[in-house]
């Protein structure tokens, strides 16, 4: 990863994606950082580990800072529910300081901004052409970021089902929206994902 590629990813996918990098285990803020700040922090970006959610949690993400998906948006124009923010704060607790820190984070469905996953799947079933279109977009995204045979991690059953539908090898972990606090979520992830301590 170099500054040029990072900036191209930020420009093309910054409203939809992010990196598994946070300021620390107790905060989920890491929005809009430039490449030099990341290098200076001692963090490394790894496009060969890709974490995949189902869809953007809210259309307000379009108003957000680049790379704030999966993080607290550092932007007063983005209004996410307290539940969404609380769940996002589980992620740094799990991944900071592990081999997964610096992974690329994105959603498999780009064009549906519906908070409830069941409604997302219902919409997709009603518009079957969207399955293939979103998968093609995802594959192009992987190529664009320079992923080579990446380890793909799916957050939750529904993202996993879509990847499986297109025979994409991946590891499924519980979605961070499941009931419980940060430590209990970390224990659940550790049951499936090696290297979580």
Protein backbone atom coordinates (compact mmCIF):
# COMPACT_ATOMS: atom_id res chain seq x y z
CA UNK A 1 0.00 0.00 0.00
CA UNK A 2 1.30 3.43 -0.91
CA UNK A 3 -0.05 6.96 -0.66
CA UNK A 4 -1.25 7.07 -4.26
CA UNK A 5 -3.33 3.89 -3.97
CA UNK A 6 -4.64 4.89 -0.55
CA UNK A 7 -5.84 8.23 -1.92
CA UNK A 8 -7.45 6.61 -4.94
CA UNK A 9 -9.31 4.17 -2.68
CA UNK A 10 -10.35 7.01 -0.42
CA UNK A 11 -11.70 8.99 -3.38
CA UNK A 12 -13.53 6.10 -5.07
CA UNK A 13 -14.82 4.12 -2.06
CA UNK A 14 -14.41 6.48 0.89
CA UNK A 15 -18.16 7.00 1.35
CA UNK A 16 -18.78 3.26 1.57
CA UNK A 17 -15.71 1.72 3.14
CA UNK A 18 -13.03 2.12 5.77
CA UNK A 19 -10.05 0.44 7.39
CA UNK A 20 -9.94 -1.51 10.64
CA UNK A 21 -7.93 1.18 12.35
CA UNK A 22 -8.97 3.15 15.40
CA UNK A 23 -7.36 5.57 17.82
CA UNK A 24 -7.55 2.95 20.55
CA UNK A 25 -9.71 0.22 22.03
CA UNK A 26 -12.09 2.67 23.66
CA UNK A 27 -12.91 4.80 20.64
CA UNK A 28 -14.14 4.05 17.16
CA UNK A 29 -12.97 7.29 15.57
CA UNK A 30 -10.68 7.19 12.55
CA UNK A 31 -12.39 9.23 9.85
CA UNK A 32 -10.74 11.11 7.03
CA UNK A 33 -7.13 10.40 7.97
CA UNK A 34 -4.50 10.99 5.35
CA UNK A 35 -1.89 8.41 4.49
CA UNK A 36 0.97 10.10 6.31
CA UNK A 37 -1.02 10.21 9.56
CA UNK A 38 -1.54 6.46 9.30
CA UNK A 39 2.15 5.82 8.66
CA UNK A 40 3.14 8.13 11.52
CA UNK A 41 0.80 6.25 13.86
CA UNK A 42 2.67 3.01 13.19
CA UNK A 43 -0.44 1.35 11.75
CA UNK A 44 -0.40 -0.74 8.58
CA UNK A 45 -3.13 -1.12 5.97
CA UNK A 46 -3.81 -4.63 4.72
CA UNK A 47 -6.10 -5.03 1.69
CA UNK A 48 -5.60 -8.80 1.85
CA UNK A 49 -7.90 -9.01 4.84
CA UNK A 50 -11.39 -7.76 3.97
CA UNK A 51 -14.21 -7.40 6.49
CA UNK A 52 -17.67 -7.36 4.92
CA UNK A 53 -20.94 -6.05 6.32
CA UNK A 54 -24.35 -6.30 4.68
CA UNK A 55 -25.15 -2.70 3.68
CA UNK A 56 -24.52 0.90 4.76
CA UNK A 57 -26.41 1.56 7.98
CA UNK A 58 -27.91 4.85 6.83
CA UNK A 59 -28.11 7.08 3.78
CA UNK A 60 -26.55 9.80 5.92
CA UNK A 61 -23.22 8.06 5.31
CA UNK A 62 -23.22 9.91 1.99
CA UNK A 63 -22.81 13.11 4.00
CA UNK A 64 -20.07 11.73 6.19
CA UNK A 65 -16.32 12.07 6.17
CA UNK A 66 -14.33 9.72 3.94
CA UNK A 67 -13.63 6.36 5.58
CA UNK A 68 -16.03 6.79 8.53
CA UNK A 69 -18.08 3.65 7.79
CA UNK A 70 -17.81 1.14 10.69
CA UNK A 71 -16.62 4.03 12.90
CA UNK A 72 -18.06 6.92 14.85
CA UNK A 73 -18.61 9.60 12.23
CA UNK A 74 -16.63 12.67 13.16
CA UNK A 75 -19.25 14.81 11.46
CA UNK A 76 -22.29 16.55 12.98
CA UNK A 77 -24.26 16.10 9.74
CA UNK A 78 -24.31 12.32 10.20
CA UNK A 79 -27.02 11.23 12.62
CA UNK A 80 -26.81 7.56 13.47
CA UNK A 81 -28.84 5.89 16.19
CA UNK A 82 -27.27 5.37 19.64
CA UNK A 83 -27.60 1.62 19.07
CA UNK A 84 -25.65 1.77 15.79
CA UNK A 85 -22.89 3.78 17.44
CA UNK A 86 -22.75 1.53 20.49
CA UNK A 87 -22.42 -1.55 18.30
CA UNK A 88 -19.69 0.03 16.15
CA UNK A 89 -17.69 0.66 19.31
CA UNK A 90 -17.34 -3.09 19.81
CA UNK A 91 -15.08 -3.38 16.77
CA UNK A 92 -11.94 -1.65 18.10
CA UNK A 93 -12.21 -3.71 21.28
CA UNK A 94 -11.99 -6.87 19.19
CA UNK A 95 -9.49 -5.98 16.47
CA UNK A 96 -7.05 -3.39 17.85
CA UNK A 97 -3.64 -4.93 18.40
CA UNK A 98 -4.43 -8.10 16.41
CA UNK A 99 -3.40 -9.40 12.99
CA UNK A 100 -6.71 -8.01 11.67
CA UNK A 101 -5.95 -4.39 12.50
CA UNK A 102 -5.58 -2.47 9.25
CA UNK A 103 -7.98 -4.71 7.30
CA UNK A 104 -10.18 -3.19 4.61
CA UNK A 105 -13.84 -2.82 5.61
CA UNK A 106 -16.78 -2.57 3.22
CA UNK A 107 -20.39 -3.63 2.62
CA UNK A 108 -21.50 -6.25 0.11
CA UNK A 109 -24.68 -4.33 -0.84
CA UNK A 110 -23.82 -0.74 -1.75
CA UNK A 111 -27.05 0.81 -2.99
CA UNK A 112 -29.60 0.02 -0.28
CA UNK A 113 -29.69 2.22 2.81
CA UNK A 114 -32.19 0.32 4.96
CA UNK A 115 -31.35 -0.15 8.65
CA UNK A 116 -33.06 -3.53 9.13
CA UNK A 117 -31.27 -6.46 7.55
CA UNK A 118 -34.48 -8.43 6.97
CA UNK A 119 -35.83 -5.54 4.91
CA UNK A 120 -32.59 -5.42 2.92
CA UNK A 121 -32.92 -9.10 2.03
CA UNK A 122 -36.61 -8.67 1.20
CA UNK A 123 -35.72 -5.82 -1.16
CA UNK A 124 -33.00 -7.90 -2.80
CA UNK A 125 -35.38 -10.80 -3.37
CA UNK A 126 -37.82 -8.40 -4.99
CA UNK A 127 -35.07 -7.08 -7.30
CA UNK A 128 -33.11 -10.22 -8.28
CA UNK A 129 -30.83 -8.43 -10.78
CA UNK A 130 -29.26 -6.58 -7.86
CA UNK A 131 -27.62 -9.75 -6.53
CA UNK A 132 -25.27 -10.10 -9.47
CA UNK A 133 -24.75 -6.35 -9.90
CA UNK A 134 -23.64 -5.83 -6.31
CA UNK A 135 -21.36 -8.86 -6.46
CA UNK A 136 -19.71 -7.52 -9.61
CA UNK A 137 -19.20 -4.17 -7.86
CA UNK A 138 -17.66 -5.99 -4.87
CA UNK A 139 -15.25 -7.97 -7.06
CA UNK A 140 -14.16 -4.80 -8.88
CA UNK A 141 -13.62 -3.16 -5.51
CA UNK A 142 -11.34 -5.98 -4.36
CA UNK A 143 -9.32 -5.66 -7.55
CA UNK A 144 -9.13 -1.87 -7.22
CA UNK A 145 -7.75 -1.99 -3.66
CA UNK A 146 -5.05 -4.46 -4.66
CA UNK A 147 -6.41 -7.49 -2.80
CA UNK A 148 -4.75 -10.75 -3.83
CA UNK A 149 -6.54 -13.89 -2.66
CA UNK A 150 -7.81 -12.00 0.41
CA UNK A 151 -9.04 -13.50 3.65
CA UNK A 152 -12.67 -12.38 3.71
CA UNK A 153 -14.53 -12.05 7.01
CA UNK A 154 -18.31 -11.67 6.94
CA UNK A 155 -20.14 -9.86 9.73
CA UNK A 156 -23.24 -11.95 10.39
CA UNK A 157 -25.38 -14.52 8.65
CA UNK A 158 -26.83 -12.38 5.86
CA UNK A 159 -23.54 -11.05 4.50
CA UNK A 160 -22.26 -14.61 4.70
CA UNK A 161 -25.26 -15.93 2.76
CA UNK A 162 -24.63 -13.51 -0.09
CA UNK A 163 -20.94 -14.41 -0.30
CA UNK A 164 -21.83 -18.10 -0.24
CA UNK A 165 -24.41 -17.55 -2.97
CA UNK A 166 -21.56 -16.53 -5.26
CA UNK A 167 -19.18 -19.18 -3.93
CA UNK A 168 -16.79 -16.69 -2.34
CA UNK A 169 -14.71 -18.35 0.35
CA UNK A 170 -14.95 -16.53 3.67
CA UNK A 171 -15.13 -16.84 7.43
CA UNK A 172 -18.35 -15.86 9.13
CA UNK A 173 -18.23 -14.17 12.52
CA UNK A 174 -21.14 -12.88 14.59
CA UNK A 175 -22.45 -9.47 13.64
CA UNK A 176 -21.39 -6.73 16.04
CA UNK A 177 -25.06 -5.85 16.48
CA UNK A 178 -25.73 -8.97 18.55
CA UNK A 179 -26.82 -8.51 22.14
CA UNK A 180 -24.08 -7.98 24.70
CA UNK A 181 -21.14 -5.75 25.44
CA UNK A 182 -17.69 -5.43 23.96
CA UNK A 183 -15.99 -8.21 25.91
CA UNK A 184 -18.77 -10.72 25.30
CA UNK A 185 -18.69 -9.94 21.58
CA UNK A 186 -14.93 -10.39 21.55
CA UNK A 187 -15.31 -13.83 23.14
CA UNK A 188 -17.83 -14.83 20.49
CA UNK A 189 -15.57 -13.69 17.63
CA UNK A 190 -12.59 -15.50 19.16
CA UNK A 191 -14.50 -18.81 18.87
CA UNK A 192 -14.34 -18.53 15.08
CA UNK A 193 -11.47 -16.22 14.22
CA UNK A 194 -7.92 -17.19 15.23
CA UNK A 195 -5.64 -14.48 16.55
CA UNK A 196 -8.22 -12.65 18.68
CA UNK A 197 -6.79 -12.27 22.18
